[in-house]
């Protein structure tokens, strides 16, 4: 009898896992954007309605693995595309670990290069993997799903250094937009504001450079006019991010400020019309 009950329990558990995988695999009408809690750094997981996934940046270290484990199903061991916005440690430090744990189909990066050890380690990892390598170009559009598009507004050049090399992208699903700014400084923000103006308007703004004083200019924020401003920063970080002046500028445009250091991973879900976060 004990063996019989053991078999029934085993089959029930197996049935649960099978149906969990089937449920996850089914297309939906929901786009999910998760701003992962990776400490003092950036990492964003985009899951399209058809379950295509893009990971933008990987934070400073392997904390990204834990954050991914809390966000995607345990059986999901692949990511369709990784995007590295620029070669700074707090954006690419954890990506080598992601390559170790997941099957990566494609890797897209800014043309900017670095002499740092972490950049060289990541590039070596990318070279030996089977992921397709793509150099980002301004104006490039990535089609994730029907009505779900990631457009590269700025890809930088190989001569750009530091934060000026930041890849900037806008994710659009139906009537809802997410503007993802990397670590772009004010000069780059204002250049975009002059060049494309109202095209920057978005419901959700991933605030540049963790809320540093040197980003999020008044003119730029007025063009974006975000409902939500997400700041990815670590608790008690040594840089004092976010800066009080940046917070004041965000409040001036009536953006609701959400911070990973206070809330942990911040997840938005939208059907292309309605938008909610948790």
Protein backbone atom coordinates (compact mmCIF):
# COMPACT_ATOMS: atom_id res chain seq x y z
CA UNK A 1 0.00 0.00 0.00
CA UNK A 2 2.86 2.40 0.84
CA UNK A 3 4.37 1.79 -2.57
CA UNK A 4 1.02 2.48 -4.18
CA UNK A 5 0.62 5.81 -2.38
CA UNK A 6 4.21 6.72 -3.20
CA UNK A 7 3.50 6.10 -6.88
CA UNK A 8 0.35 8.24 -6.74
CA UNK A 9 2.22 11.11 -5.07
CA UNK A 10 5.05 10.84 -7.61
CA UNK A 11 2.61 10.92 -10.50
CA UNK A 12 0.78 13.90 -9.00
CA UNK A 13 4.03 15.85 -8.63
CA UNK A 14 5.08 14.91 -12.15
CA UNK A 15 1.69 15.98 -13.49
CA UNK A 16 2.04 19.34 -11.72
CA UNK A 17 5.45 19.98 -13.30
CA UNK A 18 4.21 19.00 -16.76
CA UNK A 19 1.21 21.29 -16.59
CA UNK A 20 3.37 24.12 -15.17
CA UNK A 21 5.65 23.86 -18.20
CA UNK A 22 2.66 23.70 -20.56
CA UNK A 23 1.08 26.75 -18.92
CA UNK A 24 4.32 28.77 -19.11
CA UNK A 25 4.82 27.82 -22.74
CA UNK A 26 1.44 29.14 -23.81
CA UNK A 27 1.35 32.62 -25.39
CA UNK A 28 -0.52 35.29 -23.44
CA UNK A 29 -1.35 38.95 -23.94
CA UNK A 30 0.92 40.12 -21.10
CA UNK A 31 4.32 41.76 -21.42
CA UNK A 32 6.41 41.54 -18.26
CA UNK A 33 9.36 43.82 -17.52
CA UNK A 34 11.32 43.00 -14.36
CA UNK A 35 13.87 45.44 -12.99
CA UNK A 36 15.99 42.95 -11.08
CA UNK A 37 17.41 43.61 -7.64
CA UNK A 38 21.14 43.07 -8.24
CA UNK A 39 22.48 45.58 -5.73
CA UNK A 40 24.42 48.55 -7.10
CA UNK A 41 23.93 47.84 -10.78
CA UNK A 42 21.45 47.33 -13.60
CA UNK A 43 19.67 44.25 -14.90
CA UNK A 44 16.33 44.08 -16.69
CA UNK A 45 14.46 40.95 -17.80
CA UNK A 46 11.86 41.40 -20.54
CA UNK A 47 9.40 38.57 -21.19
CA UNK A 48 7.22 39.10 -24.25
CA UNK A 49 3.67 37.72 -24.54
CA UNK A 50 5.00 34.84 -26.68
CA UNK A 51 7.60 34.11 -23.92
CA UNK A 52 10.60 35.46 -25.87
CA UNK A 53 13.08 36.82 -23.32
CA UNK A 54 15.67 39.57 -23.36
CA UNK A 55 18.08 40.23 -20.49
CA UNK A 56 19.51 43.75 -20.54
CA UNK A 57 22.69 43.91 -18.44
CA UNK A 58 23.62 41.59 -15.59
CA UNK A 59 24.54 43.70 -12.60
CA UNK A 60 27.97 43.69 -10.91
CA UNK A 61 28.23 40.01 -9.91
CA UNK A 62 26.42 36.67 -9.64
CA UNK A 63 23.52 38.19 -7.67
CA UNK A 64 21.79 38.28 -11.05
CA UNK A 65 21.50 34.47 -10.97
CA UNK A 66 19.46 34.56 -7.78
CA UNK A 67 17.31 37.39 -9.11
CA UNK A 68 16.62 35.46 -12.32
CA UNK A 69 15.81 32.36 -10.28
CA UNK A 70 13.13 34.33 -8.45
CA UNK A 71 11.66 35.72 -11.67
CA UNK A 72 11.60 32.93 -14.26
CA UNK A 73 10.43 29.29 -13.89
CA UNK A 74 12.96 26.78 -12.58
CA UNK A 75 12.77 24.75 -15.79
CA UNK A 76 13.51 27.69 -18.09
CA UNK A 77 17.23 27.40 -18.87
CA UNK A 78 17.49 29.60 -21.95
CA UNK A 79 17.43 33.32 -22.75
CA UNK A 80 16.83 34.45 -26.32
CA UNK A 81 18.95 37.60 -26.24
CA UNK A 82 21.36 39.30 -23.87
CA UNK A 83 22.05 43.00 -24.34
CA UNK A 84 25.06 44.71 -22.74
CA UNK A 85 24.46 48.46 -22.64
CA UNK A 86 28.12 49.36 -22.00
CA UNK A 87 31.25 47.75 -20.54
CA UNK A 88 31.09 49.02 -16.93
CA UNK A 89 31.34 46.42 -14.17
CA UNK A 90 27.95 47.23 -12.62
CA UNK A 91 26.27 46.35 -15.92
CA UNK A 92 28.25 43.36 -17.22
CA UNK A 93 29.86 41.86 -14.12
CA UNK A 94 27.24 39.12 -13.76
CA UNK A 95 26.81 38.24 -17.44
CA UNK A 96 29.57 35.61 -17.48
CA UNK A 97 27.64 33.74 -14.77
CA UNK A 98 24.48 34.00 -16.87
CA UNK A 99 26.31 32.40 -19.79
CA UNK A 100 27.41 29.60 -17.44
CA UNK A 101 23.86 28.87 -16.24
CA UNK A 102 21.71 29.50 -19.32
CA UNK A 103 21.68 28.73 -23.01
CA UNK A 104 22.01 32.10 -24.74
CA UNK A 105 20.83 32.33 -28.34
CA UNK A 106 22.16 35.81 -29.19
CA UNK A 107 24.30 38.56 -27.66
CA UNK A 108 24.02 42.22 -28.62
CA UNK A 109 26.39 44.87 -27.32
CA UNK A 110 27.37 48.48 -27.75
CA UNK A 111 30.37 48.95 -30.09
CA UNK A 112 32.30 50.31 -27.09
CA UNK A 113 35.16 48.18 -25.76
CA UNK A 114 37.12 48.16 -22.53
CA UNK A 115 40.50 46.98 -21.29
CA UNK A 116 39.02 45.83 -17.99
CA UNK A 117 39.42 42.22 -16.87
CA UNK A 118 35.66 41.75 -16.50
CA UNK A 119 35.05 42.88 -20.09
CA UNK A 120 37.75 40.57 -21.44
CA UNK A 121 36.40 37.64 -19.42
CA UNK A 122 32.88 38.22 -20.74
CA UNK A 123 34.09 38.56 -24.33
CA UNK A 124 36.00 35.30 -24.03
CA UNK A 125 32.87 33.63 -22.68
CA UNK A 126 30.78 34.98 -25.56
CA UNK A 127 33.38 33.87 -28.11
CA UNK A 128 33.38 30.25 -26.98
CA UNK A 129 29.59 29.98 -26.75
CA UNK A 130 27.27 29.39 -29.69
CA UNK A 131 25.35 32.64 -29.22
CA UNK A 132 25.11 34.84 -32.28
CA UNK A 133 27.07 38.06 -31.73
CA UNK A 134 25.56 41.36 -32.89
CA UNK A 135 26.94 44.89 -32.68
CA UNK A 136 24.19 47.39 -31.88
CA UNK A 137 23.38 50.15 -34.35
CA UNK A 138 21.25 53.22 -33.66
CA UNK A 139 17.83 52.79 -35.27
CA UNK A 140 17.90 48.99 -34.96
CA UNK A 141 14.55 47.41 -34.10
CA UNK A 142 14.17 44.05 -32.37
CA UNK A 143 10.78 42.39 -32.86
CA UNK A 144 9.97 40.32 -29.77
CA UNK A 145 6.36 39.56 -30.63
CA UNK A 146 3.39 41.04 -32.43
CA UNK A 147 3.15 44.70 -31.30
CA UNK A 148 6.23 44.26 -29.07
CA UNK A 149 9.28 46.15 -30.33
CA UNK A 150 12.58 47.18 -28.78
CA UNK A 151 14.10 50.11 -30.67
CA UNK A 152 17.71 51.22 -30.17
CA UNK A 153 17.80 55.01 -29.91
CA UNK A 154 21.53 55.22 -29.24
CA UNK A 155 24.17 52.54 -29.68
CA UNK A 156 27.29 54.66 -29.26
CA UNK A 157 30.55 54.09 -31.10
CA UNK A 158 33.75 52.16 -30.43
CA UNK A 159 35.41 55.43 -29.44
CA UNK A 160 32.87 56.25 -26.72
CA UNK A 161 34.10 55.78 -23.17
CA UNK A 162 32.35 55.19 -19.88
CA UNK A 163 28.73 56.23 -19.52
CA UNK A 164 28.75 58.08 -22.86
CA UNK A 165 28.84 54.63 -24.50
CA UNK A 166 25.47 53.67 -23.03
CA UNK A 167 23.02 51.88 -25.28
CA UNK A 168 19.58 53.50 -24.99
CA UNK A 169 16.43 51.65 -26.00
CA UNK A 170 12.66 52.05 -25.97
CA UNK A 171 10.40 49.03 -25.49
CA UNK A 172 6.90 49.42 -26.91
CA UNK A 173 3.93 47.10 -26.49
CA UNK A 174 0.69 48.53 -27.79
CA UNK A 175 0.13 51.85 -26.05
CA UNK A 176 2.71 51.30 -23.28
CA UNK A 177 6.39 52.31 -23.50
CA UNK A 178 9.47 51.67 -21.37
CA UNK A 179 12.49 53.94 -21.87
CA UNK A 180 15.72 52.23 -20.79
CA UNK A 181 18.60 54.67 -20.35
CA UNK A 182 21.61 52.66 -19.20
CA UNK A 183 24.01 55.16 -17.58
CA UNK A 184 23.51 57.96 -20.12
CA UNK A 185 24.81 61.35 -18.93
CA UNK A 186 22.85 64.59 -19.31
CA UNK A 187 24.70 65.52 -22.50
CA UNK A 188 23.45 62.37 -24.21
CA UNK A 189 19.95 62.76 -22.79
CA UNK A 190 19.68 66.33 -24.05
CA UNK A 191 21.05 65.31 -27.45
CA UNK A 192 18.25 62.76 -27.75
CA UNK A 193 15.67 65.25 -26.49
CA UNK A 194 16.71 67.65 -29.26
CA UNK A 195 16.93 64.96 -31.93
CA UNK A 196 13.77 62.92 -31.36
CA UNK A 197 11.78 65.00 -28.87
CA UNK A 198 8.35 63.57 -28.12
CA UNK A 199 9.36 60.10 -29.30
CA UNK A 200 10.99 59.78 -25.87
CA UNK A 201 7.60 59.94 -24.13
CA UNK A 202 7.14 56.78 -22.07
CA UNK A 203 5.03 55.48 -19.22
CA UNK A 204 8.04 53.91 -17.47
CA UNK A 205 11.54 55.41 -17.31
CA UNK A 206 14.50 53.37 -16.15
CA UNK A 207 16.36 56.30 -14.63
CA UNK A 208 19.87 56.71 -15.96
CA UNK A 209 22.97 55.99 -13.89
CA UNK A 210 21.12 54.81 -10.78
CA UNK A 211 19.74 58.29 -10.12
CA UNK A 212 23.08 60.10 -10.22
CA UNK A 213 23.17 63.91 -10.16
CA UNK A 214 24.85 63.92 -13.59
CA UNK A 215 21.80 62.43 -15.34
CA UNK A 216 18.05 63.04 -15.65
CA UNK A 217 18.06 66.64 -16.84
CA UNK A 218 14.96 68.79 -16.49
CA UNK A 219 14.52 69.17 -20.26
CA UNK A 220 14.90 65.43 -20.85
CA UNK A 221 12.41 64.46 -18.14
CA UNK A 222 9.85 66.89 -19.51
CA UNK A 223 10.11 65.16 -22.91
CA UNK A 224 9.73 61.70 -21.38
CA UNK A 225 6.94 62.66 -18.96
CA UNK A 226 7.03 59.29 -17.17
CA UNK A 227 4.29 57.95 -14.91
CA UNK A 228 6.87 55.76 -13.18
CA UNK A 229 10.60 56.28 -12.63
CA UNK A 230 12.54 53.13 -11.70
CA UNK A 231 15.90 53.56 -9.98
CA UNK A 232 18.17 50.52 -9.78
CA UNK A 233 20.61 51.05 -6.92
CA UNK A 234 21.99 49.18 -3.93
CA UNK A 235 21.10 49.94 -0.34
CA UNK A 236 23.60 52.26 1.38
CA UNK A 237 25.74 52.40 -1.76
CA UNK A 238 28.95 54.42 -1.50
CA UNK A 239 27.93 56.79 -4.32
CA UNK A 240 24.90 58.14 -2.51
CA UNK A 241 22.59 57.11 -5.36
CA UNK A 242 20.01 58.34 -5.99
CA UNK A 243 20.98 61.99 -5.57
CA UNK A 244 18.49 64.31 -3.87
CA UNK A 245 18.54 66.73 -6.83
CA UNK A 246 17.63 63.92 -9.23
CA UNK A 247 14.71 62.92 -7.00
CA UNK A 248 13.49 66.51 -6.98
CA UNK A 249 13.61 66.68 -10.79
CA UNK A 250 11.65 63.43 -11.02
CA UNK A 251 9.05 64.70 -8.58
CA UNK A 252 8.74 67.91 -10.60
CA UNK A 253 7.41 65.88 -13.56
CA UNK A 254 5.09 63.98 -11.17
CA UNK A 255 6.73 60.60 -11.70
CA UNK A 256 6.11 57.91 -9.10
CA UNK A 257 9.58 56.84 -7.95
CA UNK A 258 10.26 53.13 -7.40
CA UNK A 259 13.66 51.96 -6.13
CA UNK A 260 15.08 48.43 -6.10
CA UNK A 261 17.01 49.23 -2.92
CA UNK A 262 13.67 49.69 -1.15
CA UNK A 263 11.38 47.28 -3.00
CA UNK A 264 13.67 44.58 -4.35
CA UNK A 265 12.87 43.37 -7.86
CA UNK A 266 10.20 45.58 -9.45
CA UNK A 267 7.92 43.87 -11.98
CA UNK A 268 5.64 45.64 -14.45
CA UNK A 269 2.93 43.85 -16.41
CA UNK A 270 0.88 45.27 -19.25
CA UNK A 271 -1.59 44.07 -21.86
CA UNK A 272 -0.62 46.98 -24.09
CA UNK A 273 -3.29 49.23 -22.59
CA UNK A 274 -3.30 48.82 -18.81
CA UNK A 275 -0.15 48.91 -16.71
CA UNK A 276 0.50 47.63 -13.20
CA UNK A 277 3.53 46.88 -11.05
CA UNK A 278 4.33 44.66 -8.12
